[in-house]
């Protein structure tokens, strides 16, 4: 599969886009993947950054997962990912990822 042609649509990435774009995001329940791709492109343009689809996918996924973990540290999540987030040596980098919220 060509990662540049097909962004990975998952709950963490979608939550990240919702947080970034707020009410300015496209939302079409009948075509959620098309909305997701449109929102990804909107974010890149609004932030005036250049990133590959794979780089944006990684950022959106990691940020969404981290925000979910911060909201519910005892919730269900991949054990390795939970361990990475809980490791205090990663805190400064992770907080920079989400703007220190």
PDB file of N, CA and C in Angstrom:
ATOM      1  N   UNK A   1       0.833  -1.171   0.000  1.00  0.00           N
ATOM      2  CA  UNK A   1       0.000   0.000   0.000  1.00  0.00           C
ATOM      3  C   UNK A   1       0.882   1.239   0.000  1.00  0.00           C
ATOM      4  N   UNK A   2       0.481   2.223  -0.736  1.00  0.00           N
ATOM      5  CA  UNK A   2       1.210   3.477  -0.824  1.00  0.00           C
ATOM      6  C   UNK A   2       0.755   4.400   0.301  1.00  0.00           C
ATOM      7  N   UNK A   3       1.602   4.591   1.304  1.00  0.00           N
ATOM      8  CA  UNK A   3       1.233   5.414   2.466  1.00  0.00           C
ATOM      9  C   UNK A   3       1.036   6.876   2.112  1.00  0.00           C
ATOM     10  N   UNK A   4       1.649   7.324   1.021  1.00  0.00           N
ATOM     11  CA  UNK A   4       1.464   8.719   0.622  1.00  0.00           C
ATOM     12  C   UNK A   4       0.100   8.943  -0.019  1.00  0.00           C
ATOM     13  N   UNK A   5      -0.428   7.920  -0.648  1.00  0.00           N
ATOM     14  CA  UNK A   5      -1.725   8.045  -1.314  1.00  0.00           C
ATOM     15  C   UNK A   5      -2.892   7.757  -0.371  1.00  0.00           C
ATOM     16  N   UNK A   6      -2.632   7.006   0.686  1.00  0.00           N
ATOM     17  CA  UNK A   6      -3.715   6.555   1.572  1.00  0.00           C
ATOM     18  C   UNK A   6      -3.376   6.807   3.038  1.00  0.00           C
ATOM     19  N   UNK A   7      -3.765   7.957   3.583  1.00  0.00           N
ATOM     20  CA  UNK A   7      -3.532   8.198   5.013  1.00  0.00           C
ATOM     21  C   UNK A   7      -4.243   7.151   5.866  1.00  0.00           C
ATOM     22  N   UNK A   8      -3.656   6.864   7.012  1.00  0.00           N
ATOM     23  CA  UNK A   8      -4.242   5.875   7.918  1.00  0.00           C
ATOM     24  C   UNK A   8      -5.279   6.566   8.796  1.00  0.00           C
ATOM     25  N   UNK A   9      -6.516   6.089   8.681  1.00  0.00           N
ATOM     26  CA  UNK A   9      -7.643   6.667   9.399  1.00  0.00           C
ATOM     27  C   UNK A   9      -7.930   5.809  10.618  1.00  0.00           C
ATOM     28  N   UNK A  10      -7.683   6.348  11.805  1.00  0.00           N
ATOM     29  CA  UNK A  10      -8.032   5.642  13.036  1.00  0.00           C
ATOM     30  C   UNK A  10      -8.538   6.655  14.058  1.00  0.00           C
ATOM     31  N   UNK A  11      -9.027   6.160  15.162  1.00  0.00           N
ATOM     32  CA  UNK A  11      -9.631   7.018  16.170  1.00  0.00           C
ATOM     33  C   UNK A  11      -8.680   8.037  16.759  1.00  0.00           C
ATOM     34  N   UNK A  12      -7.438   7.643  16.998  1.00  0.00           N
ATOM     35  CA  UNK A  12      -6.473   8.578  17.573  1.00  0.00           C
ATOM     36  C   UNK A  12      -6.191   9.727  16.601  1.00  0.00           C
ATOM     37  N   UNK A  13      -5.949   9.396  15.350  1.00  0.00           N
ATOM     38  CA  UNK A  13      -5.649  10.419  14.347  1.00  0.00           C
ATOM     39  C   UNK A  13      -6.851  11.333  14.140  1.00  0.00           C
ATOM     40  N   UNK A  14      -8.033  10.755  14.082  1.00  0.00           N
ATOM     41  CA  UNK A  14      -9.239  11.564  13.884  1.00  0.00           C
ATOM     42  C   UNK A  14      -9.461  12.507  15.071  1.00  0.00           C
ATOM     43  N   UNK A  15      -9.227  12.022  16.285  1.00  0.00           N
ATOM     44  CA  UNK A  15      -9.364  12.874  17.471  1.00  0.00           C
ATOM     45  C   UNK A  15      -8.369  14.038  17.422  1.00  0.00           C
ATOM     46  N   UNK A  16      -7.163  13.773  16.947  1.00  0.00           N
ATOM     47  CA  UNK A  16      -6.162  14.836  16.831  1.00  0.00           C
ATOM     48  C   UNK A  16      -6.615  15.899  15.836  1.00  0.00           C
ATOM     49  N   UNK A  17      -7.153  15.460  14.715  1.00  0.00           N
ATOM     50  CA  UNK A  17      -7.643  16.416  13.731  1.00  0.00           C
ATOM     51  C   UNK A  17      -8.807  17.234  14.290  1.00  0.00           C
ATOM     52  N   UNK A  18      -9.695  16.583  15.014  1.00  0.00           N
ATOM     53  CA  UNK A  18     -10.816  17.313  15.624  1.00  0.00           C
ATOM     54  C   UNK A  18     -10.300  18.385  16.573  1.00  0.00           C
ATOM     55  N   UNK A  19      -9.271  18.039  17.363  1.00  0.00           N
ATOM     56  CA  UNK A  19      -8.724  19.013  18.312  1.00  0.00           C
ATOM     57  C   UNK A  19      -8.080  20.182  17.569  1.00  0.00           C
ATOM     58  N   UNK A  20      -7.333  19.886  16.516  1.00  0.00           N
ATOM     59  CA  UNK A  20      -6.660  20.948  15.764  1.00  0.00           C
ATOM     60  C   UNK A  20      -7.635  21.841  15.012  1.00  0.00           C
ATOM     61  N   UNK A  21      -8.615  21.255  14.359  1.00  0.00           N
ATOM     62  CA  UNK A  21      -9.480  22.019  13.457  1.00  0.00           C
ATOM     63  C   UNK A  21     -10.778  22.496  14.085  1.00  0.00           C
ATOM     64  N   UNK A  22     -11.193  21.878  15.178  1.00  0.00           N
ATOM     65  CA  UNK A  22     -12.427  22.281  15.842  1.00  0.00           C
ATOM     66  C   UNK A  22     -13.612  22.280  14.888  1.00  0.00           C
ATOM     67  N   UNK A  23     -14.356  23.364  14.883  1.00  0.00           N
ATOM     68  CA  UNK A  23     -15.550  23.443  14.044  1.00  0.00           C
ATOM     69  C   UNK A  23     -15.217  23.689  12.579  1.00  0.00           C
ATOM     70  N   UNK A  24     -13.960  23.935  12.266  1.00  0.00           N
ATOM     71  CA  UNK A  24     -13.552  24.173  10.879  1.00  0.00           C
ATOM     72  C   UNK A  24     -13.268  22.885  10.116  1.00  0.00           C
ATOM     73  N   UNK A  25     -13.591  21.754  10.698  1.00  0.00           N
ATOM     74  CA  UNK A  25     -13.287  20.492  10.032  1.00  0.00           C
ATOM     75  C   UNK A  25     -14.455  20.027   9.178  1.00  0.00           C
ATOM     76  N   UNK A  26     -14.113  19.295   8.144  1.00  0.00           N
ATOM     77  CA  UNK A  26     -15.137  18.666   7.309  1.00  0.00           C
ATOM     78  C   UNK A  26     -15.720  17.494   8.089  1.00  0.00           C
ATOM     79  N   UNK A  27     -17.014  17.296   7.969  1.00  0.00           N
ATOM     80  CA  UNK A  27     -17.655  16.188   8.657  1.00  0.00           C
ATOM     81  C   UNK A  27     -18.777  15.646   7.776  1.00  0.00           C
ATOM     82  N   UNK A  28     -18.596  14.421   7.324  1.00  0.00           N
ATOM     83  CA  UNK A  28     -19.605  13.775   6.485  1.00  0.00           C
ATOM     84  C   UNK A  28     -19.734  12.330   6.950  1.00  0.00           C
ATOM     85  N   UNK A  29     -20.745  12.008   7.756  1.00  0.00           N
ATOM     86  CA  UNK A  29     -20.902  10.648   8.287  1.00  0.00           C
ATOM     87  C   UNK A  29     -21.005   9.575   7.203  1.00  0.00           C
ATOM     88  N   UNK A  30     -21.454   9.946   6.021  1.00  0.00           N
ATOM     89  CA  UNK A  30     -21.557   8.966   4.933  1.00  0.00           C
ATOM     90  C   UNK A  30     -20.211   8.695   4.274  1.00  0.00           C
ATOM     91  N   UNK A  31     -19.275   9.637   4.404  1.00  0.00           N
ATOM     92  CA  UNK A  31     -17.955   9.499   3.787  1.00  0.00           C
ATOM     93  C   UNK A  31     -16.861   9.933   4.768  1.00  0.00           C
ATOM     94  N   UNK A  32     -16.724   9.207   5.884  1.00  0.00           N
ATOM     95  CA  UNK A  32     -15.775   9.654   6.916  1.00  0.00           C
ATOM     96  C   UNK A  32     -14.318   9.654   6.452  1.00  0.00           C
ATOM     97  N   UNK A  33     -13.944   8.724   5.577  1.00  0.00           N
ATOM     98  CA  UNK A  33     -12.548   8.694   5.131  1.00  0.00           C
ATOM     99  C   UNK A  33     -12.234   9.917   4.267  1.00  0.00           C
ATOM    100  N   UNK A  34     -13.155  10.276   3.405  1.00  0.00           N
ATOM    101  CA  UNK A  34     -12.941  11.459   2.565  1.00  0.00           C
ATOM    102  C   UNK A  34     -12.825  12.700   3.444  1.00  0.00           C
ATOM    103  N   UNK A  35     -13.659  12.797   4.461  1.00  0.00           N
ATOM    104  CA  UNK A  35     -13.566  13.923   5.406  1.00  0.00           C
ATOM    105  C   UNK A  35     -12.215  13.923   6.106  1.00  0.00           C
ATOM    106  N   UNK A  36     -11.743  12.734   6.506  1.00  0.00           N
ATOM    107  CA  UNK A  36     -10.457  12.619   7.186  1.00  0.00           C
ATOM    108  C   UNK A  36      -9.322  13.115   6.291  1.00  0.00           C
ATOM    109  N   UNK A  37      -9.312  12.704   5.046  1.00  0.00           N
ATOM    110  CA  UNK A  37      -8.263  13.132   4.109  1.00  0.00           C
ATOM    111  C   UNK A  37      -8.341  14.646   3.897  1.00  0.00           C
ATOM    112  N   UNK A  38      -9.544  15.158   3.717  1.00  0.00           N
ATOM    113  CA  UNK A  38      -9.735  16.601   3.550  1.00  0.00           C
ATOM    114  C   UNK A  38      -9.223  17.348   4.772  1.00  0.00           C
ATOM    115  N   UNK A  39      -9.547  16.852   5.958  1.00  0.00           N
ATOM    116  CA  UNK A  39      -9.100  17.498   7.193  1.00  0.00           C
ATOM    117  C   UNK A  39      -7.586  17.447   7.340  1.00  0.00           C
ATOM    118  N   UNK A  40      -6.973  16.356   6.932  1.00  0.00           N
ATOM    119  CA  UNK A  40      -5.506  16.254   6.979  1.00  0.00           C
ATOM    120  C   UNK A  40      -4.878  17.324   6.098  1.00  0.00           C
ATOM    121  N   UNK A  41      -5.417  17.491   4.905  1.00  0.00           N
ATOM    122  CA  UNK A  41      -4.890  18.507   3.986  1.00  0.00           C
ATOM    123  C   UNK A  41      -5.146  19.912   4.520  1.00  0.00           C
ATOM    124  N   UNK A  42      -6.307  20.121   5.123  1.00  0.00           N
ATOM    125  CA  UNK A  42      -6.635  21.423   5.717  1.00  0.00           C
ATOM    126  C   UNK A  42      -5.651  21.769   6.826  1.00  0.00           C
ATOM    127  N   UNK A  43      -5.314  20.788   7.669  1.00  0.00           N
ATOM    128  CA  UNK A  43      -4.366  21.032   8.756  1.00  0.00           C
ATOM    129  C   UNK A  43      -3.000  21.429   8.217  1.00  0.00           C
ATOM    130  N   UNK A  44      -2.512  20.718   7.217  1.00  0.00           N
ATOM    131  CA  UNK A  44      -1.199  21.050   6.650  1.00  0.00           C
ATOM    132  C   UNK A  44      -1.186  22.478   6.102  1.00  0.00           C
ATOM    133  N   UNK A  45      -2.244  22.846   5.388  1.00  0.00           N
ATOM    134  CA  UNK A  45      -2.311  24.201   4.831  1.00  0.00           C
ATOM    135  C   UNK A  45      -2.429  25.248   5.934  1.00  0.00           C
ATOM    136  N   UNK A  46      -3.290  25.002   6.915  1.00  0.00           N
ATOM    137  CA  UNK A  46      -3.501  25.973   7.990  1.00  0.00           C
ATOM    138  C   UNK A  46      -2.242  26.174   8.825  1.00  0.00           C
ATOM    139  N   UNK A  47      -1.498  25.101   9.037  1.00  0.00           N
ATOM    140  CA  UNK A  47      -0.270  25.187   9.837  1.00  0.00           C
ATOM    141  C   UNK A  47       0.919  25.650   8.999  1.00  0.00           C
ATOM    142  N   UNK A  48       0.714  25.712   7.680  1.00  0.00           N
ATOM    143  CA  UNK A  48       1.771  26.116   6.755  1.00  0.00           C
ATOM    144  C   UNK A  48       3.035  25.271   6.935  1.00  0.00           C
ATOM    145  N   UNK A  49       2.814  23.956   6.977  1.00  0.00           N
ATOM    146  CA  UNK A  49       3.945  23.034   7.105  1.00  0.00           C
ATOM    147  C   UNK A  49       3.963  22.057   5.935  1.00  0.00           C
ATOM    148  N   UNK A  50       5.125  21.513   5.710  1.00  0.00           N
ATOM    149  CA  UNK A  50       5.287  20.474   4.707  1.00  0.00           C
ATOM    150  C   UNK A  50       5.606  19.185   5.446  1.00  0.00           C
ATOM    151  N   UNK A  51       4.796  18.179   5.248  1.00  0.00           N
ATOM    152  CA  UNK A  51       5.022  16.874   5.868  1.00  0.00           C
ATOM    153  C   UNK A  51       4.495  15.812   4.915  1.00  0.00           C
ATOM    154  N   UNK A  52       5.150  14.683   4.930  1.00  0.00           N
ATOM    155  CA  UNK A  52       4.643  13.572   4.132  1.00  0.00           C
ATOM    156  C   UNK A  52       3.392  13.027   4.809  1.00  0.00           C
ATOM    157  N   UNK A  53       2.635  12.265   4.074  1.00  0.00           N
ATOM    158  CA  UNK A  53       1.449  11.634   4.649  1.00  0.00           C
ATOM    159  C   UNK A  53       1.855  10.736   5.808  1.00  0.00           C
ATOM    160  N   UNK A  54       2.938   9.997   5.657  1.00  0.00           N
ATOM    161  CA  UNK A  54       3.407   9.103   6.720  1.00  0.00           C
ATOM    162  C   UNK A  54       3.807   9.891   7.966  1.00  0.00           C
ATOM    163  N   UNK A  55       4.475  11.029   7.780  1.00  0.00           N
ATOM    164  CA  UNK A  55       4.870  11.856   8.929  1.00  0.00           C
ATOM    165  C   UNK A  55       3.641  12.418   9.645  1.00  0.00           C
ATOM    166  N   UNK A  56       2.674  12.901   8.872  1.00  0.00           N
ATOM    167  CA  UNK A  56       1.459  13.430   9.478  1.00  0.00           C
ATOM    168  C   UNK A  56       0.696  12.319  10.193  1.00  0.00           C
ATOM    169  N   UNK A  57       0.601  11.143   9.573  1.00  0.00           N
ATOM    170  CA  UNK A  57      -0.055   9.995  10.211  1.00  0.00           C
ATOM    171  C   UNK A  57       0.574   9.698  11.568  1.00  0.00           C
ATOM    172  N   UNK A  58       1.886   9.645  11.604  1.00  0.00           N
ATOM    173  CA  UNK A  58       2.593   9.335  12.850  1.00  0.00           C
ATOM    174  C   UNK A  58       2.301  10.377  13.918  1.00  0.00           C
ATOM    175  N   UNK A  59       2.372  11.646  13.545  1.00  0.00           N
ATOM    176  CA  UNK A  59       2.091  12.721  14.496  1.00  0.00           C
ATOM    177  C   UNK A  59       0.663  12.632  15.030  1.00  0.00           C
ATOM    178  N   UNK A  60      -0.317  12.525  14.122  1.00  0.00           N
ATOM    179  CA  UNK A  60      -1.719  12.497  14.537  1.00  0.00           C
ATOM    180  C   UNK A  60      -2.001  11.309  15.443  1.00  0.00           C
ATOM    181  N   UNK A  61      -1.453  10.154  15.102  1.00  0.00           N
ATOM    182  CA  UNK A  61      -1.685   8.938  15.889  1.00  0.00           C
ATOM    183  C   UNK A  61      -1.067   9.071  17.282  1.00  0.00           C
ATOM    184  N   UNK A  62       0.198   9.489  17.335  1.00  0.00           N
ATOM    185  CA  UNK A  62       0.878   9.583  18.624  1.00  0.00           C
ATOM    186  C   UNK A  62       0.238  10.652  19.508  1.00  0.00           C
ATOM    187  N   UNK A  63      -0.085  11.782  18.931  1.00  0.00           N
ATOM    188  CA  UNK A  63      -0.718  12.836  19.725  1.00  0.00           C
ATOM    189  C   UNK A  63      -2.082  12.386  20.250  1.00  0.00           C
ATOM    190  N   UNK A  64      -2.874  11.770  19.385  1.00  0.00           N
ATOM    191  CA  UNK A  64      -4.188  11.305  19.810  1.00  0.00           C
ATOM    192  C   UNK A  64      -4.099  10.255  20.902  1.00  0.00           C
ATOM    193  N   UNK A  65      -3.150   9.332  20.756  1.00  0.00           N
ATOM    194  CA  UNK A  65      -2.967   8.285  21.770  1.00  0.00           C
ATOM    195  C   UNK A  65      -2.511   8.896  23.089  1.00  0.00           C
ATOM    196  N   UNK A  66      -1.592   9.844  23.029  1.00  0.00           N
ATOM    197  CA  UNK A  66      -1.088  10.470  24.252  1.00  0.00           C
ATOM    198  C   UNK A  66      -2.189  11.248  24.968  1.00  0.00           C
ATOM    199  N   UNK A  67      -2.992  11.975  24.204  1.00  0.00           N
ATOM    200  CA  UNK A  67      -4.079  12.718  24.831  1.00  0.00           C
ATOM    201  C   UNK A  67      -5.104  11.768  25.459  1.00  0.00           C
ATOM    202  N   UNK A  68      -5.371  10.652  24.806  1.00  0.00           N
ATOM    203  CA  UNK A  68      -6.297   9.664  25.381  1.00  0.00           C
ATOM    204  C   UNK A  68      -5.709   9.107  26.672  1.00  0.00           C
ATOM    205  N   UNK A  69      -4.410   8.781  26.663  1.00  0.00           N
ATOM    206  CA  UNK A  69      -3.752   8.237  27.854  1.00  0.00           C
ATOM    207  C   UNK A  69      -3.785   9.257  28.997  1.00  0.00           C
ATOM    208  N   UNK A  70      -3.527  10.522  28.687  1.00  0.00           N
ATOM    209  CA  UNK A  70      -3.546  11.547  29.742  1.00  0.00           C
ATOM    210  C   UNK A  70      -4.935  11.682  30.353  1.00  0.00           C
ATOM    211  N   UNK A  71      -5.966  11.521  29.550  1.00  0.00           N
ATOM    212  CA  UNK A  71      -7.332  11.622  30.059  1.00  0.00           C
ATOM    213  C   UNK A  71      -7.730  10.392  30.866  1.00  0.00           C
ATOM    214  N   UNK A  72      -7.227   9.216  30.446  1.00  0.00           N
ATOM    215  CA  UNK A  72      -7.578   7.955  31.114  1.00  0.00           C
ATOM    216  C   UNK A  72      -6.346   7.056  31.169  1.00  0.00           C
ATOM    217  N   UNK A  73      -5.410   7.335  32.075  1.00  0.00           N
ATOM    218  CA  UNK A  73      -4.176   6.544  32.121  1.00  0.00           C
ATOM    219  C   UNK A  73      -4.405   5.063  32.430  1.00  0.00           C
ATOM    220  N   UNK A  74      -5.529   4.731  33.024  1.00  0.00           N
ATOM    221  CA  UNK A  74      -5.819   3.335  33.339  1.00  0.00           C
ATOM    222  C   UNK A  74      -6.716   2.679  32.295  1.00  0.00           C
ATOM    223  N   UNK A  75      -7.073   3.418  31.253  1.00  0.00           N
ATOM    224  CA  UNK A  75      -7.927   2.879  30.190  1.00  0.00           C
ATOM    225  C   UNK A  75      -7.181   1.860  29.331  1.00  0.00           C
ATOM    226  N   UNK A  76      -7.939   1.195  28.485  1.00  0.00           N
ATOM    227  CA  UNK A  76      -7.337   0.190  27.607  1.00  0.00           C
ATOM    228  C   UNK A  76      -6.485   0.852  26.532  1.00  0.00           C
ATOM    229  N   UNK A  77      -5.281   0.287  26.347  1.00  0.00           N
ATOM    230  CA  UNK A  77      -4.352   0.784  25.347  1.00  0.00           C
ATOM    231  C   UNK A  77      -3.224  -0.223  25.237  1.00  0.00           C
ATOM    232  N   UNK A  78      -2.561  -0.225  24.127  1.00  0.00           N
ATOM    233  CA  UNK A  78      -1.393  -1.072  23.927  1.00  0.00           C
ATOM    234  C   UNK A  78      -0.431  -0.904  25.112  1.00  0.00           C
ATOM    235  N   UNK A  79       0.017  -2.014  25.688  1.00  0.00           N
ATOM    236  CA  UNK A  79       0.854  -1.992  26.892  1.00  0.00           C
ATOM    237  C   UNK A  79       2.170  -1.250  26.652  1.00  0.00           C
ATOM    238  N   UNK A  80       2.796  -1.458  25.508  1.00  0.00           N
ATOM    239  CA  UNK A  80       4.061  -0.774  25.230  1.00  0.00           C
ATOM    240  C   UNK A  80       3.861   0.731  25.097  1.00  0.00           C
ATOM    241  N   UNK A  81       2.774   1.123  24.465  1.00  0.00           N
ATOM    242  CA  UNK A  81       2.484   2.539  24.303  1.00  0.00           C
ATOM    243  C   UNK A  81       2.210   3.179  25.665  1.00  0.00           C
ATOM    244  N   UNK A  82       1.446   2.497  26.502  1.00  0.00           N
ATOM    245  CA  UNK A  82       1.195   2.987  27.864  1.00  0.00           C
ATOM    246  C   UNK A  82       2.496   3.163  28.627  1.00  0.00           C
ATOM    247  N   UNK A  83       3.372   2.182  28.510  1.00  0.00           N
ATOM    248  CA  UNK A  83       4.661   2.251  29.187  1.00  0.00           C
ATOM    249  C   UNK A  83       5.498   3.425  28.707  1.00  0.00           C
ATOM    250  N   UNK A  84       5.462   3.674  27.400  1.00  0.00           N
ATOM    251  CA  UNK A  84       6.194   4.806  26.821  1.00  0.00           C
ATOM    252  C   UNK A  84       5.663   6.120  27.385  1.00  0.00           C
ATOM    253  N   UNK A  85       4.336   6.250  27.456  1.00  0.00           N
ATOM    254  CA  UNK A  85       3.740   7.476  27.977  1.00  0.00           C
ATOM    255  C   UNK A  85       4.003   7.646  29.473  1.00  0.00           C
ATOM    256  N   UNK A  86       4.021   6.561  30.215  1.00  0.00           N
ATOM    257  CA  UNK A  86       4.218   6.614  31.662  1.00  0.00           C
ATOM    258  C   UNK A  86       5.678   6.869  32.045  1.00  0.00           C
ATOM    259  N   UNK A  87       6.608   6.586  31.147  1.00  0.00           N
ATOM    260  CA  UNK A  87       8.035   6.766  31.424  1.00  0.00           C
ATOM    261  C   UNK A  87       8.341   8.261  31.537  1.00  0.00           C
ATOM    262  N   UNK A  88       8.710   8.694  32.730  1.00  0.00           N
ATOM    263  CA  UNK A  88       8.910  10.120  32.992  1.00  0.00           C
ATOM    264  C   UNK A  88      10.015  10.741  32.141  1.00  0.00           C
ATOM    265  N   UNK A  89      10.925   9.944  31.610  1.00  0.00           N
ATOM    266  CA  UNK A  89      11.991  10.492  30.761  1.00  0.00           C
ATOM    267  C   UNK A  89      11.438  10.963  29.415  1.00  0.00           C
ATOM    268  N   UNK A  90      10.230  10.550  29.061  1.00  0.00           N
ATOM    269  CA  UNK A  90       9.616  10.961  27.792  1.00  0.00           C
ATOM    270  C   UNK A  90       8.676  12.157  27.960  1.00  0.00           C
ATOM    271  N   UNK A  91       8.401  12.557  29.199  1.00  0.00           N
ATOM    272  CA  UNK A  91       7.367  13.563  29.469  1.00  0.00           C
ATOM    273  C   UNK A  91       7.608  14.886  28.746  1.00  0.00           C
ATOM    274  N   UNK A  92       8.807  15.416  28.775  1.00  0.00           N
ATOM    275  CA  UNK A  92       9.067  16.718  28.152  1.00  0.00           C
ATOM    276  C   UNK A  92       8.798  16.669  26.652  1.00  0.00           C
ATOM    277  N   UNK A  93       9.218  15.604  26.003  1.00  0.00           N
ATOM    278  CA  UNK A  93       8.989  15.472  24.556  1.00  0.00           C
ATOM    279  C   UNK A  93       7.498  15.325  24.257  1.00  0.00           C
ATOM    280  N   UNK A  94       6.813  14.535  25.063  1.00  0.00           N
ATOM    281  CA  UNK A  94       5.385  14.329  24.840  1.00  0.00           C
ATOM    282  C   UNK A  94       4.589  15.600  25.119  1.00  0.00           C
ATOM    283  N   UNK A  95       4.950  16.328  26.158  1.00  0.00           N
ATOM    284  CA  UNK A  95       4.263  17.580  26.452  1.00  0.00           C
ATOM    285  C   UNK A  95       4.496  18.608  25.329  1.00  0.00           C
ATOM    286  N   UNK A  96       5.683  18.598  24.740  1.00  0.00           N
ATOM    287  CA  UNK A  96       5.948  19.485  23.606  1.00  0.00           C
ATOM    288  C   UNK A  96       5.076  19.094  22.416  1.00  0.00           C
ATOM    289  N   UNK A  97       4.823  17.824  22.273  1.00  0.00           N
ATOM    290  CA  UNK A  97       3.986  17.331  21.179  1.00  0.00           C
ATOM    291  C   UNK A  97       2.579  17.891  21.248  1.00  0.00           C
ATOM    292  N   UNK A  98       2.060  18.035  22.449  1.00  0.00           N
ATOM    293  CA  UNK A  98       0.681  18.511  22.620  1.00  0.00           C
ATOM    294  C   UNK A  98       0.623  19.954  23.138  1.00  0.00           C
ATOM    295  N   UNK A  99       1.734  20.638  23.104  1.00  0.00           N
ATOM    296  CA  UNK A  99       1.730  22.044  23.522  1.00  0.00           C
ATOM    297  C   UNK A  99       1.733  22.252  25.010  1.00  0.00           C
ATOM    298  N   UNK A 100       2.178  21.226  25.770  1.00  0.00           N
ATOM    299  CA  UNK A 100       2.315  21.375  27.214  1.00  0.00           C
ATOM    300  C   UNK A 100       1.027  21.429  27.983  1.00  0.00           C
ATOM    301  N   UNK A 101      -0.062  21.013  27.371  1.00  0.00           N
ATOM    302  CA  UNK A 101      -1.361  21.030  28.076  1.00  0.00           C
ATOM    303  C   UNK A 101      -1.382  20.065  29.200  1.00  0.00           C
TER     304      UNK A 101
END
